[in-house]
PDB file of all heavy atoms in Angstrom:
ATOM      1  N   THR A   1      -5.948 -10.097  -3.288  1.00  0.00           N
ATOM      2  CA  THR A   1      -6.927 -10.228  -2.146  1.00  0.00           C
ATOM      3  C   THR A   1      -6.819  -9.063  -1.252  1.00  0.00           C
ATOM      4  O   THR A   1      -5.746  -8.558  -0.890  1.00  0.00           O
ATOM      5  CB  THR A   1      -6.528 -11.585  -1.384  1.00  0.00           C
ATOM      6  OG1 THR A   1      -6.427 -12.681  -2.175  1.00  0.00           O
ATOM      7  CG2 THR A   1      -7.611 -11.668  -0.177  1.00  0.00           C
ATOM      8  N   PRO A   2      -7.916  -8.440  -1.033  1.00  0.00           N
ATOM      9  CA  PRO A   2      -7.893  -7.159  -0.154  1.00  0.00           C
ATOM     10  C   PRO A   2      -7.196  -7.317   1.132  1.00  0.00           C
ATOM     11  O   PRO A   2      -7.418  -8.346   1.771  1.00  0.00           O
ATOM     12  CB  PRO A   2      -9.357  -6.855  -0.034  1.00  0.00           C
ATOM     13  CG  PRO A   2     -10.047  -7.474  -1.191  1.00  0.00           C
ATOM     14  CD  PRO A   2      -9.319  -8.607  -1.486  1.00  0.00           C
ATOM     15  N   THR A   3      -6.409  -6.442   1.497  1.00  0.00           N
ATOM     16  CA  THR A   3      -5.743  -6.236   2.791  1.00  0.00           C
ATOM     17  C   THR A   3      -4.453  -7.107   3.071  1.00  0.00           C
ATOM     18  O   THR A   3      -3.691  -6.852   3.866  1.00  0.00           O
ATOM     19  CB  THR A   3      -6.706  -6.544   4.132  1.00  0.00           C
ATOM     20  OG1 THR A   3      -6.744  -7.867   4.193  1.00  0.00           O
ATOM     21  CG2 THR A   3      -8.012  -5.843   3.971  1.00  0.00           C
ATOM     22  N   VAL A   4      -4.212  -8.090   2.226  1.00  0.00           N
ATOM     23  CA  VAL A   4      -3.156  -9.095   2.475  1.00  0.00           C
ATOM     24  C   VAL A   4      -1.803  -8.479   2.348  1.00  0.00           C
ATOM     25  O   VAL A   4      -0.930  -9.009   2.991  1.00  0.00           O
ATOM     26  CB  VAL A   4      -3.239 -10.293   1.554  1.00  0.00           C
ATOM     27  CG1 VAL A   4      -4.624 -11.118   1.901  1.00  0.00           C
ATOM     28  CG2 VAL A   4      -3.104  -9.992   0.111  1.00  0.00           C
ATOM     29  N   LEU A   5      -1.569  -7.462   1.482  1.00  0.00           N
ATOM     30  CA  LEU A   5      -0.280  -6.817   1.446  1.00  0.00           C
ATOM     31  C   LEU A   5      -0.166  -5.740   2.636  1.00  0.00           C
ATOM     32  O   LEU A   5       1.110  -5.703   3.168  1.00  0.00           O
ATOM     33  CB  LEU A   5      -0.130  -6.133   0.041  1.00  0.00           C
ATOM     34  CG  LEU A   5      -0.175  -7.149  -1.116  1.00  0.00           C
ATOM     35  CD1 LEU A   5       0.216  -6.402  -2.454  1.00  0.00           C
ATOM     36  CD2 LEU A   5       0.875  -8.352  -0.991  1.00  0.00           C
ATOM     37  N   TYR A   6      -1.096  -5.173   2.981  1.00  0.00           N
ATOM     38  CA  TYR A   6      -0.967  -4.377   4.186  1.00  0.00           C
ATOM     39  C   TYR A   6      -0.560  -5.251   5.424  1.00  0.00           C
ATOM     40  O   TYR A   6       0.396  -4.828   6.089  1.00  0.00           O
ATOM     41  CB  TYR A   6      -2.340  -3.622   4.468  1.00  0.00           C
ATOM     42  CG  TYR A   6      -2.362  -3.048   5.788  1.00  0.00           C
ATOM     43  CD1 TYR A   6      -1.695  -1.748   6.059  1.00  0.00           C
ATOM     44  CD2 TYR A   6      -2.734  -3.692   6.939  1.00  0.00           C
ATOM     45  CE1 TYR A   6      -1.625  -1.184   7.355  1.00  0.00           C
ATOM     46  CE2 TYR A   6      -2.631  -3.066   8.277  1.00  0.00           C
ATOM     47  CZ  TYR A   6      -2.108  -1.901   8.464  1.00  0.00           C
ATOM     48  OH  TYR A   6      -1.958  -1.391   9.689  1.00  0.00           O
ATOM     49  N   ASN A   7      -1.351  -6.348   5.491  1.00  0.00           N
ATOM     50  CA  ASN A   7      -0.997  -7.231   6.689  1.00  0.00           C
ATOM     51  C   ASN A   7       0.467  -7.692   6.733  1.00  0.00           C
ATOM     52  O   ASN A   7       1.053  -7.726   7.782  1.00  0.00           O
ATOM     53  CB  ASN A   7      -1.913  -8.433   6.536  1.00  0.00           C
ATOM     54  CG  ASN A   7      -3.391  -8.016   6.868  1.00  0.00           C
ATOM     55  OD1 ASN A   7      -3.692  -7.051   7.529  1.00  0.00           O
ATOM     56  ND2 ASN A   7      -4.325  -8.891   6.458  1.00  0.00           N
ATOM     57  N   ALA A   8       0.909  -8.005   5.464  1.00  0.00           N
ATOM     58  CA  ALA A   8       2.242  -8.765   5.467  1.00  0.00           C
ATOM     59  C   ALA A   8       3.378  -7.803   5.257  1.00  0.00           C
ATOM     60  O   ALA A   8       4.524  -8.020   5.683  1.00  0.00           O
ATOM     61  CB  ALA A   8       2.275  -9.799   4.396  1.00  0.00           C
ATOM     62  N   MET A   9       3.172  -6.628   4.537  1.00  0.00           N
ATOM     63  CA  MET A   9       4.229  -5.791   4.064  1.00  0.00           C
ATOM     64  C   MET A   9       4.252  -4.340   4.560  1.00  0.00           C
ATOM     65  O   MET A   9       5.240  -3.719   4.265  1.00  0.00           O
ATOM     66  CB  MET A   9       4.378  -5.925   2.551  1.00  0.00           C
ATOM     67  CG  MET A   9       4.527  -7.273   2.030  1.00  0.00           C
ATOM     68  SD  MET A   9       4.554  -7.320   0.125  1.00  0.00           S
ATOM     69  CE  MET A   9       6.130  -6.439  -0.231  1.00  0.00           C
ATOM     70  N   ILE A  10       3.137  -3.947   5.209  1.00  0.00           N
ATOM     71  CA  ILE A  10       3.022  -2.514   5.759  1.00  0.00           C
ATOM     72  C   ILE A  10       2.898  -2.553   7.286  1.00  0.00           C
ATOM     73  O   ILE A  10       3.731  -1.988   8.081  1.00  0.00           O
ATOM     74  CB  ILE A  10       1.987  -1.821   5.226  1.00  0.00           C
ATOM     75  CG1 ILE A  10       2.110  -1.598   3.717  1.00  0.00           C
ATOM     76  CG2 ILE A  10       1.709  -0.427   5.924  1.00  0.00           C
ATOM     77  CD1 ILE A  10       3.297  -0.831   3.286  1.00  0.00           C
ATOM     78  N   HIS A  11       2.054  -3.384   7.826  1.00  0.00           N
ATOM     79  CA  HIS A  11       1.758  -3.451   9.315  1.00  0.00           C
ATOM     80  C   HIS A  11       2.960  -3.707  10.070  1.00  0.00           C
ATOM     81  O   HIS A  11       3.249  -3.136  11.145  1.00  0.00           O
ATOM     82  CB  HIS A  11       0.708  -4.460   9.532  1.00  0.00           C
ATOM     83  CG  HIS A  11       0.228  -4.371  11.020  1.00  0.00           C
ATOM     84  ND1 HIS A  11       0.781  -5.263  11.920  1.00  0.00           N
ATOM     85  CD2 HIS A  11      -0.703  -3.687  11.614  1.00  0.00           C
ATOM     86  CE1 HIS A  11       0.165  -5.064  13.065  1.00  0.00           C
ATOM     87  NE2 HIS A  11      -0.663  -4.116  12.959  1.00  0.00           N
ATOM     88  N   PRO A  12       3.865  -4.743   9.597  1.00  0.00           N
ATOM     89  CA  PRO A  12       5.057  -5.016  10.411  1.00  0.00           C
ATOM     90  C   PRO A  12       6.008  -3.850  10.555  1.00  0.00           C
ATOM     91  O   PRO A  12       6.996  -3.941  11.237  1.00  0.00           O
ATOM     92  CB  PRO A  12       5.621  -6.181   9.679  1.00  0.00           C
ATOM     93  CG  PRO A  12       4.679  -6.728   8.841  1.00  0.00           C
ATOM     94  CD  PRO A  12       3.850  -5.632   8.424  1.00  0.00           C
ATOM     95  N   LEU A  13       5.837  -2.862   9.600  1.00  0.00           N
ATOM     96  CA  LEU A  13       6.847  -1.685   9.530  1.00  0.00           C
ATOM     97  C   LEU A  13       6.526  -0.636  10.539  1.00  0.00           C
ATOM     98  O   LEU A  13       7.273   0.268  10.837  1.00  0.00           O
ATOM     99  CB  LEU A  13       6.917  -1.207   8.211  1.00  0.00           C
ATOM    100  CG  LEU A  13       7.252  -2.160   7.091  1.00  0.00           C
ATOM    101  CD1 LEU A  13       7.275  -1.417   5.659  1.00  0.00           C
ATOM    102  CD2 LEU A  13       8.586  -2.914   7.187  1.00  0.00           C
ATOM    103  N   ILE A  14       5.334  -0.684  11.005  1.00  0.00           N
ATOM    104  CA  ILE A  14       4.746   0.344  11.970  1.00  0.00           C
ATOM    105  C   ILE A  14       5.337  -0.016  13.362  1.00  0.00           C
ATOM    106  O   ILE A  14       5.059  -1.129  13.758  1.00  0.00           O
ATOM    107  CB  ILE A  14       3.260   0.374  11.724  1.00  0.00           C
ATOM    108  CG1 ILE A  14       2.760   0.743  10.338  1.00  0.00           C
ATOM    109  CG2 ILE A  14       2.695   1.395  12.788  1.00  0.00           C
ATOM    110  CD1 ILE A  14       1.337   0.550  10.090  1.00  0.00           C
ATOM    111  N   PRO A  15       5.688   0.979  14.103  1.00  0.00           N
ATOM    112  CA  PRO A  15       5.764   2.342  13.889  1.00  0.00           C
ATOM    113  C   PRO A  15       7.220   3.009  13.570  1.00  0.00           C
ATOM    114  O   PRO A  15       7.543   3.871  14.045  1.00  0.00           O
ATOM    115  CB  PRO A  15       5.318   2.962  15.304  1.00  0.00           C
ATOM    116  CG  PRO A  15       5.969   1.868  16.226  1.00  0.00           C
ATOM    117  CD  PRO A  15       6.020   0.583  15.536  1.00  0.00           C
ATOM    118  N   TYR A  16       8.008   2.206  12.779  1.00  0.00           N
ATOM    119  CA  TYR A  16       9.256   2.728  12.440  1.00  0.00           C
ATOM    120  C   TYR A  16       9.159   4.162  11.790  1.00  0.00           C
ATOM    121  O   TYR A  16       8.384   4.306  10.858  1.00  0.00           O
ATOM    122  CB  TYR A  16       9.932   1.809  11.254  1.00  0.00           C
ATOM    123  CG  TYR A  16      11.446   1.914  11.034  1.00  0.00           C
ATOM    124  CD1 TYR A  16      12.289   1.194  11.851  1.00  0.00           C
ATOM    125  CD2 TYR A  16      11.729   2.873  10.230  1.00  0.00           C
ATOM    126  CE1 TYR A  16      13.618   1.408  11.568  1.00  0.00           C
ATOM    127  CE2 TYR A  16      13.214   3.002   9.996  1.00  0.00           C
ATOM    128  CZ  TYR A  16      14.129   2.330  10.807  1.00  0.00           C
ATOM    129  OH  TYR A  16      15.533   2.451  10.548  1.00  0.00           O
ATOM    130  N   SER A  17       9.827   4.973  12.214  1.00  0.00           N
ATOM    131  CA  SER A  17       9.675   6.449  11.924  1.00  0.00           C
ATOM    132  C   SER A  17      10.149   6.809  10.560  1.00  0.00           C
ATOM    133  O   SER A  17      11.240   6.374  10.124  1.00  0.00           O
ATOM    134  CB  SER A  17      10.425   7.348  12.908  1.00  0.00           C
ATOM    135  OG  SER A  17       9.930   7.234  14.147  1.00  0.00           O
ATOM    136  N   ILE A  18       9.280   7.342   9.746  1.00  0.00           N
ATOM    137  CA  ILE A  18       9.567   7.716   8.443  1.00  0.00           C
ATOM    138  C   ILE A  18       9.208   9.208   8.082  1.00  0.00           C
ATOM    139  O   ILE A  18       8.191   9.767   8.800  1.00  0.00           O
ATOM    140  CB  ILE A  18       8.740   6.760   7.532  1.00  0.00           C
ATOM    141  CG1 ILE A  18       7.284   6.927   7.491  1.00  0.00           C
ATOM    142  CG2 ILE A  18       9.227   5.429   7.573  1.00  0.00           C
ATOM    143  CD1 ILE A  18       6.442   6.080   6.595  1.00  0.00           C
ATOM    144  N   ARG A  19       9.803   9.831   7.096  1.00  0.00           N
ATOM    145  CA  ARG A  19       9.410  11.164   6.745  1.00  0.00           C
ATOM    146  C   ARG A  19       8.232  11.080   5.862  1.00  0.00           C
ATOM    147  O   ARG A  19       7.351  12.027   5.915  1.00  0.00           O
ATOM    148  CB  ARG A  19      10.633  11.782   5.976  1.00  0.00           C
ATOM    149  CG  ARG A  19      10.287  13.023   5.221  1.00  0.00           C
ATOM    150  CD  ARG A  19       9.727  14.150   6.183  1.00  0.00           C
ATOM    151  NE  ARG A  19      10.964  14.726   6.878  1.00  0.00           N
ATOM    152  CZ  ARG A  19      10.781  15.678   7.782  1.00  0.00           C
ATOM    153  NH1 ARG A  19       9.659  16.154   8.066  1.00  0.00           N
ATOM    154  NH2 ARG A  19      11.813  16.149   8.449  1.00  0.00           N
ATOM    155  N   GLY A  20       8.087  10.036   5.012  1.00  0.00           N
ATOM    156  CA  GLY A  20       7.012   9.995   4.080  1.00  0.00           C
ATOM    157  C   GLY A  20       7.047   8.884   3.178  1.00  0.00           C
ATOM    158  O   GLY A  20       7.914   7.909   3.385  1.00  0.00           O
ATOM    159  N   VAL A  21       6.132   8.806   2.102  1.00  0.00           N
ATOM    160  CA  VAL A  21       5.927   7.679   1.327  1.00  0.00           C
ATOM    161  C   VAL A  21       6.074   8.183  -0.091  1.00  0.00           C
ATOM    162  O   VAL A  21       5.532   9.318  -0.445  1.00  0.00           O
ATOM    163  CB  VAL A  21       4.562   7.115   1.470  1.00  0.00           C
ATOM    164  CG1 VAL A  21       4.343   5.982   0.452  1.00  0.00           C
ATOM    165  CG2 VAL A  21       4.246   6.579   2.970  1.00  0.00           C
ATOM    166  N   ILE A  22       6.614   7.368  -1.035  1.00  0.00           N
ATOM    167  CA  ILE A  22       6.411   7.547  -2.326  1.00  0.00           C
ATOM    168  C   ILE A  22       5.831   6.306  -2.973  1.00  0.00           C
ATOM    169  O   ILE A  22       6.154   5.289  -2.601  1.00  0.00           O
ATOM    170  CB  ILE A  22       7.862   7.922  -3.150  1.00  0.00           C
ATOM    171  CG1 ILE A  22       8.896   6.742  -2.878  1.00  0.00           C
ATOM    172  CG2 ILE A  22       8.456   9.299  -2.672  1.00  0.00           C
ATOM    173  CD1 ILE A  22      10.229   6.966  -3.756  1.00  0.00           C
ATOM    174  N   TRP A  23       4.914   6.487  -3.906  1.00  0.00           N
ATOM    175  CA  TRP A  23       4.004   5.512  -4.364  1.00  0.00           C
ATOM    176  C   TRP A  23       3.883   5.622  -5.890  1.00  0.00           C
ATOM    177  O   TRP A  23       3.629   6.619  -6.487  1.00  0.00           O
ATOM    178  CB  TRP A  23       2.671   5.884  -3.713  1.00  0.00           C
ATOM    179  CG  TRP A  23       1.460   5.016  -4.077  1.00  0.00           C
ATOM    180  CD1 TRP A  23       0.568   5.330  -5.040  1.00  0.00           C
ATOM    181  CD2 TRP A  23       1.066   3.760  -3.444  1.00  0.00           C
ATOM    182  NE1 TRP A  23      -0.433   4.327  -5.056  1.00  0.00           N
ATOM    183  CE2 TRP A  23      -0.056   3.428  -4.171  1.00  0.00           C
ATOM    184  CE3 TRP A  23       1.595   2.950  -2.501  1.00  0.00           C
ATOM    185  CZ2 TRP A  23      -0.827   2.245  -3.883  1.00  0.00           C
ATOM    186  CZ3 TRP A  23       0.905   1.794  -2.275  1.00  0.00           C
ATOM    187  CH2 TRP A  23      -0.225   1.414  -2.888  1.00  0.00           C
ATOM    188  N   TYR A  24       3.919   4.382  -6.481  1.00  0.00           N
ATOM    189  CA  TYR A  24       3.756   4.267  -7.924  1.00  0.00           C
ATOM    190  C   TYR A  24       2.832   3.010  -8.087  1.00  0.00           C
ATOM    191  O   TYR A  24       3.292   1.883  -8.059  1.00  0.00           O
ATOM    192  CB  TYR A  24       5.028   4.149  -8.628  1.00  0.00           C
ATOM    193  CG  TYR A  24       5.032   4.325 -10.201  1.00  0.00           C
ATOM    194  CD1 TYR A  24       6.112   4.742 -10.868  1.00  0.00           C
ATOM    195  CD2 TYR A  24       3.902   4.225 -10.923  1.00  0.00           C
ATOM    196  CE1 TYR A  24       6.184   4.913 -12.183  1.00  0.00           C
ATOM    197  CE2 TYR A  24       3.669   4.502 -12.260  1.00  0.00           C
ATOM    198  CZ  TYR A  24       4.995   4.812 -12.957  1.00  0.00           C
ATOM    199  OH  TYR A  24       4.887   4.894 -14.358  1.00  0.00           O
ATOM    200  N   GLN A  25       1.600   3.300  -8.377  1.00  0.00           N
ATOM    201  CA  GLN A  25       0.594   2.202  -8.481  1.00  0.00           C
ATOM    202  C   GLN A  25      -0.726   2.825  -9.190  1.00  0.00           C
ATOM    203  O   GLN A  25      -0.891   4.043  -9.184  1.00  0.00           O
ATOM    204  CB  GLN A  25       0.187   1.657  -7.051  1.00  0.00           C
ATOM    205  CG  GLN A  25      -0.547   0.407  -7.004  1.00  0.00           C
ATOM    206  CD  GLN A  25      -2.158   0.681  -7.173  1.00  0.00           C
ATOM    207  OE1 GLN A  25      -2.663   1.669  -6.748  1.00  0.00           O
ATOM    208  NE2 GLN A  25      -2.826  -0.362  -7.551  1.00  0.00           N
ATOM    209  N   GLY A  26      -1.488   1.971  -9.704  1.00  0.00           N
ATOM    210  CA  GLY A  26      -2.754   2.388 -10.350  1.00  0.00           C
ATOM    211  C   GLY A  26      -3.100   1.547 -11.530  1.00  0.00           C
ATOM    212  O   GLY A  26      -4.275   1.502 -11.851  1.00  0.00           O
ATOM    213  N   GLU A  27      -2.219   1.001 -12.214  1.00  0.00           N
ATOM    214  CA  GLU A  27      -2.447   0.183 -13.395  1.00  0.00           C
ATOM    215  C   GLU A  27      -3.319  -0.928 -13.160  1.00  0.00           C
ATOM    216  O   GLU A  27      -4.240  -1.231 -14.000  1.00  0.00           O
ATOM    217  CB  GLU A  27      -1.109  -0.364 -13.959  1.00  0.00           C
ATOM    218  CG  GLU A  27      -0.058   0.582 -14.393  1.00  0.00           C
ATOM    219  CD  GLU A  27       0.788   0.997 -13.334  1.00  0.00           C
ATOM    220  OE1 GLU A  27       0.499   0.758 -12.166  1.00  0.00           O
ATOM    221  OE2 GLU A  27       1.997   1.454 -13.621  1.00  0.00           O
ATOM    222  N   SER A  28      -3.254  -1.539 -11.845  1.00  0.00           N
ATOM    223  CA  SER A  28      -4.212  -2.699 -11.654  1.00  0.00           C
ATOM    224  C   SER A  28      -5.559  -2.240 -11.123  1.00  0.00           C
ATOM    225  O   SER A  28      -6.470  -3.112 -10.835  1.00  0.00           O
ATOM    226  CB  SER A  28      -3.577  -3.548 -10.633  1.00  0.00           C
ATOM    227  OG  SER A  28      -2.458  -4.237 -11.039  1.00  0.00           O
ATOM    228  N   ASN A  29      -5.892  -0.986 -11.054  1.00  0.00           N
ATOM    229  CA  ASN A  29      -7.155  -0.413 -10.613  1.00  0.00           C
ATOM    230  C   ASN A  29      -7.836   0.229 -11.791  1.00  0.00           C
ATOM    231  O   ASN A  29      -8.955   0.871 -11.480  1.00  0.00           O
ATOM    232  CB  ASN A  29      -6.986   0.435  -9.408  1.00  0.00           C
ATOM    233  CG  ASN A  29      -6.647  -0.266  -8.073  1.00  0.00           C
ATOM    234  OD1 ASN A  29      -5.497  -0.419  -7.838  1.00  0.00           O
ATOM    235  ND2 ASN A  29      -7.771  -0.697  -7.395  1.00  0.00           N
ATOM    236  N   ASP A  30      -7.402   0.360 -12.951  1.00  0.00           N
ATOM    237  CA  ASP A  30      -7.974   1.172 -14.001  1.00  0.00           C
ATOM    238  C   ASP A  30      -9.414   0.917 -14.318  1.00  0.00           C
ATOM    239  O   ASP A  30     -10.127   1.753 -14.668  1.00  0.00           O
ATOM    240  CB  ASP A  30      -7.052   1.254 -15.270  1.00  0.00           C
ATOM    241  CG  ASP A  30      -7.213  -0.142 -16.137  1.00  0.00           C
ATOM    242  OD1 ASP A  30      -7.027  -1.224 -15.544  1.00  0.00           O
ATOM    243  OD2 ASP A  30      -7.528  -0.061 -17.338  1.00  0.00           O
ATOM    244  N   LYS A  31      -9.721  -0.462 -14.221  1.00  0.00           N
ATOM    245  CA  LYS A  31     -11.028  -0.766 -14.571  1.00  0.00           C
ATOM    246  C   LYS A  31     -12.113  -0.317 -13.430  1.00  0.00           C
ATOM    247  O   LYS A  31     -13.312  -0.360 -13.749  1.00  0.00           O
ATOM    248  CB  LYS A  31     -11.300  -2.225 -14.609  1.00  0.00           C
ATOM    249  CG  LYS A  31     -10.329  -3.032 -15.743  1.00  0.00           C
ATOM    250  CD  LYS A  31     -10.735  -2.404 -17.237  1.00  0.00           C
ATOM    251  CE  LYS A  31      -9.987  -3.070 -18.324  1.00  0.00           C
ATOM    252  NZ  LYS A  31      -8.502  -2.970 -18.186  1.00  0.00           N
ATOM    253  N   LYS A  32     -11.552   0.048 -12.336  1.00  0.00           N
ATOM    254  CA  LYS A  32     -12.497   0.690 -11.213  1.00  0.00           C
ATOM    255  C   LYS A  32     -11.979   2.018 -10.846  1.00  0.00           C
ATOM    256  O   LYS A  32     -11.828   2.286  -9.650  1.00  0.00           O
ATOM    257  CB  LYS A  32     -12.550  -0.337 -10.089  1.00  0.00           C
ATOM    258  CG  LYS A  32     -13.198  -1.652 -10.382  1.00  0.00           C
ATOM    259  CD  LYS A  32     -13.417  -2.488  -9.185  1.00  0.00           C
ATOM    260  CE  LYS A  32     -14.298  -3.736  -9.489  1.00  0.00           C
ATOM    261  NZ  LYS A  32     -14.456  -4.591  -8.281  1.00  0.00           N
ATOM    262  N   ALA A  33     -11.695   2.779 -11.850  1.00  0.00           N
ATOM    263  CA  ALA A  33     -10.995   4.147 -11.504  1.00  0.00           C
ATOM    264  C   ALA A  33     -12.044   5.043 -10.770  1.00  0.00           C
ATOM    265  O   ALA A  33     -11.570   5.766  -9.882  1.00  0.00           O
ATOM    266  CB  ALA A  33     -10.692   4.905 -12.833  1.00  0.00           C
ATOM    267  N   ARG A  34     -13.277   4.849 -11.026  1.00  0.00           N
ATOM    268  CA  ARG A  34     -14.254   5.719 -10.258  1.00  0.00           C
ATOM    269  C   ARG A  34     -14.139   5.295  -8.707  1.00  0.00           C
ATOM    270  O   ARG A  34     -14.151   6.301  -7.976  1.00  0.00           O
ATOM    271  CB  ARG A  34     -15.745   5.630 -10.663  1.00  0.00           C
ATOM    272  CG  ARG A  34     -16.703   6.451 -10.001  1.00  0.00           C
ATOM    273  CD  ARG A  34     -18.002   6.434 -10.718  1.00  0.00           C
ATOM    274  NE  ARG A  34     -18.700   5.100 -10.496  1.00  0.00           N
ATOM    275  CZ  ARG A  34     -19.868   4.805 -11.057  1.00  0.00           C
ATOM    276  NH1 ARG A  34     -20.496   5.755 -11.672  1.00  0.00           N
ATOM    277  NH2 ARG A  34     -20.318   3.639 -10.809  1.00  0.00           N
TER     278      ARG A  34
END
């Protein structure tokens, strides 16, 4: 469901200071790669 992981798993972490992000994702979007 759009936004639900941002709401529960990213938003509560803000504004904890971070240097950056590492990200491994994309397999679940391959049918809409464009």
